C-alpha atoms as a PDB file:
ATOM      1  CA  MET A   1    -143.757 124.276 -58.838  1.00  0.00           C
ATOM      2  CA  THR A   2    -146.301 126.241 -57.002  1.00  0.00           C
ATOM      3  CA  MET A   3    -148.768 124.645 -54.625  1.00  0.00           C
ATOM      4  CA  ASN A   4    -151.866 126.281 -57.175  1.00  0.00           C
ATOM      5  CA  PHE A   5    -150.057 124.687 -60.094  1.00  0.00           C
ATOM      6  CA  LEU A   6    -150.179 121.132 -58.375  1.00  0.00           C
ATOM      7  CA  VAL A   7    -153.706 121.577 -57.365  1.00  0.00           C
ATOM      8  CA  SER A   8    -154.598 122.641 -60.806  1.00  0.00           C
ATOM      9  CA  LEU A   9    -153.023 119.828 -62.481  1.00  0.00           C
ATOM     10  CA  GLY A  10    -154.866 117.168 -59.674  1.00  0.00           C
ATOM     11  CA  MET A  11    -158.390 118.764 -60.807  1.00  0.00           C
ATOM     12  CA  ARG A  12    -157.728 118.373 -64.386  1.00  0.00           C
ATOM     13  CA  ARG A  13    -157.287 114.919 -63.905  1.00  0.00           C
ATOM     14  CA  VAL A  14    -159.811 114.390 -61.465  1.00  0.00           C
ATOM     15  CA  LEU A  15    -162.731 116.306 -62.628  1.00  0.00           C
ATOM     16  CA  PRO A  16    -163.456 114.369 -65.704  1.00  0.00           C
ATOM     17  CA  ALA A  17    -163.750 110.953 -63.476  1.00  0.00           C
ATOM     18  CA  VAL A  18    -165.873 112.711 -60.947  1.00  0.00           C
ATOM     19  CA  ALA A  19    -168.265 114.023 -63.908  1.00  0.00           C
ATOM     20  CA  LEU A  20    -168.634 110.533 -65.314  1.00  0.00           C
ATOM     21  CA  ALA A  21    -169.021 108.944 -61.942  1.00  0.00           C
ATOM     22  CA  SER A  22    -171.849 111.537 -61.198  1.00  0.00           C
ATOM     23  CA  ALA A  23    -173.544 110.831 -64.458  1.00  0.00           C
ATOM     24  CA  ILE A  24    -173.515 107.282 -64.069  1.00  0.00           C
ATOM     25  CA  ALA A  25    -174.835 107.509 -60.552  1.00  0.00           C
ATOM     26  CA  ALA A  26    -177.656 109.895 -61.748  1.00  0.00           C
ATOM     27  CA  LEU A  27    -178.650 107.687 -64.652  1.00  0.00           C
ATOM     28  CA  THR A  28    -178.806 104.341 -62.754  1.00  0.00           C
ATOM     29  CA  GLY A  29    -182.134 105.374 -61.318  1.00  0.00           C
ATOM     30  CA  CYS A  30    -183.447 105.767 -65.112  1.00  0.00           C
ATOM     31  CA  VAL A  31    -184.502 102.042 -65.625  1.00  0.00           C
ATOM     32  CA  VAL A  32    -187.921 101.908 -66.935  1.00  0.00           C
ATOM     33  CA  ALA A  33    -190.228  98.924 -66.612  1.00  0.00           C
ATOM     34  CA  PRO A  34    -193.632  98.125 -67.403  1.00  0.00           C
ATOM     35  CA  ALA A  35    -196.144  99.019 -64.620  1.00  0.00           C
ATOM     36  CA  TYR A  36    -198.034  95.575 -65.494  1.00  0.00           C
ATOM     37  CA  PRO A  37    -196.846  92.162 -65.651  1.00  0.00           C
ATOM     38  CA  VAL A  38    -196.124  90.832 -69.226  1.00  0.00           C
ATOM     39  CA  VAL A  39    -197.408  87.230 -70.056  1.00  0.00           C
ATOM     40  CA  PRO A  40    -195.836  85.964 -73.160  1.00  0.00           C
ATOM     41  CA  GLN A  41    -198.403  85.759 -76.122  1.00  0.00           C
ATOM     42  CA  GLY A  42    -200.253  82.596 -76.563  1.00  0.00           C
ATOM     43  CA  GLU A  43    -199.615  81.357 -72.794  1.00  0.00           C
ATOM     44  CA  VAL A  44    -202.850  80.600 -70.995  1.00  0.00           C
ATOM     45  CA  VAL A  45    -202.900  80.429 -67.357  1.00  0.00           C
ATOM     46  CA  TYR A  46    -205.695  78.584 -65.561  1.00  0.00           C
ATOM     47  CA  ALA A  47    -207.128  79.461 -62.071  1.00  0.00           C
ATOM     48  CA  PRO A  48    -209.343  76.825 -59.992  1.00  0.00           C
ATOM     49  CA  ALA A  49    -211.876  79.474 -58.986  1.00  0.00           C
ATOM     50  CA  PRO A  50    -213.195  82.642 -60.320  1.00  0.00           C
ATOM     51  CA  PRO A  51    -211.320  86.039 -59.592  1.00  0.00           C
ATOM     52  CA  PRO A  52    -212.814  88.444 -56.781  1.00  0.00           C
ATOM     53  CA  PRO A  53    -214.997  91.506 -58.023  1.00  0.00           C
ATOM     54  CA  LEU A  54    -213.261  94.085 -60.039  1.00  0.00           C
ATOM     55  CA  ARG A  55    -211.868  96.933 -57.434  1.00  0.00           C
ATOM     56  CA  THR A  56    -212.984 100.698 -57.908  1.00  0.00           C
ATOM     57  CA  GLU A  57    -210.266 102.722 -58.964  1.00  0.00           C
ATOM     58  CA  VAL A  58    -209.964 106.439 -58.899  1.00  0.00           C
ATOM     59  CA  ILE A  59    -209.018 107.514 -62.392  1.00  0.00           C
ATOM     60  CA  PRO A  60    -206.331 110.221 -62.496  1.00  0.00           C
ATOM     61  CA  VAL A  61    -206.397 113.111 -65.095  1.00  0.00           C
ATOM     62  CA  ALA A  62    -205.235 111.995 -68.626  1.00  0.00           C
ATOM     63  CA  PRO A  63    -201.593 112.844 -69.216  1.00  0.00           C
ATOM     64  CA  SER A  64    -202.838 113.734 -72.738  1.00  0.00           C
ATOM     65  CA  PRO A  65    -206.089 113.697 -75.064  1.00  0.00           C
ATOM     66  CA  VAL A  66    -204.524 110.736 -76.699  1.00  0.00           C
ATOM     67  CA  HIS A  67    -204.166 108.728 -74.008  1.00  0.00           C
ATOM     68  CA  VAL A  68    -206.617 105.677 -72.759  1.00  0.00           C
ATOM     69  CA  TRP A  69    -207.551 104.378 -69.395  1.00  0.00           C
ATOM     70  CA  ILE A  70    -206.693 100.730 -69.088  1.00  0.00           C
ATOM     71  CA  ASN A  71    -208.554  99.409 -66.208  1.00  0.00           C
ATOM     72  CA  GLY A  72    -207.030  97.384 -63.277  1.00  0.00           C
ATOM     73  CA  TYR A  73    -207.646  93.619 -63.383  1.00  0.00           C
ATOM     74  CA  TRP A  74    -207.142  90.461 -61.528  1.00  0.00           C
ATOM     75  CA  GLY A  75    -204.019  88.332 -62.759  1.00  0.00           C
ATOM     76  CA  TRP A  76    -203.245  84.562 -61.376  1.00  0.00           C
ATOM     77  CA  GLY A  77    -200.017  83.626 -60.115  1.00  0.00           C
ATOM     78  CA  GLY A  78    -198.097  81.859 -57.231  1.00  0.00           C
ATOM     79  CA  GLY A  79    -201.297  80.141 -56.641  1.00  0.00           C
ATOM     80  CA  ARG A  80    -203.476  83.228 -55.833  1.00  0.00           C
ATOM     81  CA  TYR A  81    -205.189  86.332 -57.616  1.00  0.00           C
ATOM     82  CA  ALA A  82    -202.955  89.508 -57.508  1.00  0.00           C
ATOM     83  CA  TRP A  83    -204.513  92.914 -58.403  1.00  0.00           C
ATOM     84  CA  THR A  84    -202.808  94.971 -61.052  1.00  0.00           C
ATOM     85  CA  PRO A  85    -203.998  98.699 -60.944  1.00  0.00           C
ATOM     86  CA  GLY A  86    -205.213 100.421 -64.010  1.00  0.00           C
ATOM     87  CA  TYR A  87    -202.918 103.101 -66.063  1.00  0.00           C
ATOM     88  CA  TRP A  88    -202.703 105.297 -69.038  1.00  0.00           C
ATOM     89  CA  ALA A  89    -201.700 104.205 -72.296  1.00  0.00           C
ATOM     90  CA  VAL A  90    -201.160 105.448 -76.082  1.00  0.00           C
ATOM     91  CA  PRO A  91    -203.172 103.384 -78.620  1.00  0.00           C
ATOM     92  CA  PRO A  92    -200.267 101.818 -80.896  1.00  0.00           C
ATOM     93  CA  HIS A  93    -202.146 102.699 -83.939  1.00  0.00           C
ATOM     94  CA  ARG A  94    -204.881 105.119 -85.060  1.00  0.00           C
ATOM     95  CA  GLY A  95    -208.386 103.823 -84.607  1.00  0.00           C
ATOM     96  CA  HIS A  96    -207.405 100.939 -82.301  1.00  0.00           C
ATOM     97  CA  VAL A  97    -209.171 100.421 -78.848  1.00  0.00           C
ATOM     98  CA  TRP A  98    -208.252  98.569 -75.854  1.00  0.00           C
ATOM     99  CA  HIS A  99    -210.027  95.304 -75.439  1.00  0.00           C
ATOM    100  CA  PRO A 100    -210.106  94.860 -71.709  1.00  0.00           C
ATOM    101  CA  TYR A 101    -209.108  91.592 -69.781  1.00  0.00           C
ATOM    102  CA  ARG A 102    -211.993  89.345 -68.869  1.00  0.00           C
ATOM    103  CA  TRP A 103    -211.957  85.981 -67.081  1.00  0.00           C
ATOM    104  CA  GLN A 104    -213.990  83.175 -68.799  1.00  0.00           C
ATOM    105  CA  GLN A 105    -214.718  79.708 -67.605  1.00  0.00           C
ATOM    106  CA  GLY A 106    -213.276  76.897 -69.585  1.00  0.00           C
ATOM    107  CA  PRO A 107    -212.970  72.966 -69.183  1.00  0.00           C
ATOM    108  CA  GLN A 108    -209.587  73.368 -67.264  1.00  0.00           C
ATOM    109  CA  GLY A 109    -210.617  76.247 -64.945  1.00  0.00           C
ATOM    110  CA  TRP A 110    -210.926  79.871 -65.281  1.00  0.00           C
ATOM    111  CA  TYR A 111    -208.625  81.731 -67.911  1.00  0.00           C
ATOM    112  CA  ARG A 112    -207.912  85.382 -68.997  1.00  0.00           C
ATOM    113  CA  GLY A 113    -208.515  86.571 -72.161  1.00  0.00           C
ATOM    114  CA  GLY A 114    -208.613  89.986 -73.697  1.00  0.00           C
ATOM    115  CA  GLY A 115    -206.311  92.488 -72.851  1.00  0.00           C
ATOM    116  CA  ARG A 116    -204.941  93.758 -76.199  1.00  0.00           C
ATOM    117  CA  TRP A 117    -205.214  96.710 -78.625  1.00  0.00           C
ATOM    118  CA  GLY A 118    -207.265  95.885 -81.801  1.00  0.00           C
ATOM    119  CA  PRO A 119    -209.393  97.454 -84.319  1.00  0.00           C
ATOM    120  CA  ARG A 120    -212.864  98.859 -82.998  1.00  0.00           C
END
């Protein structure tokens, strides 16, 4: 057997494995996670004090005419307020609007309401 034939035979076996490993490595960075925290529906979190004033945000250009800007908001967790920046989103249904998050005072402290899509 000639050396060229052996190299060719080895490449035929190695090339598919290299291609598969490259594809897997490239796709591992494609995990998409929400840019905002997800709180289970119905869970109410109470804070002992009102949130800080809302931050002023620079709103970037919309990705498309159907996108709606969702303002940033203060969330409560770990014993402190944390800012979640605004983002663009597409309404799930035609005619739905975003009802923004808002903090309200209740008998057990401050709680966040809103933050959902719904009819006008």
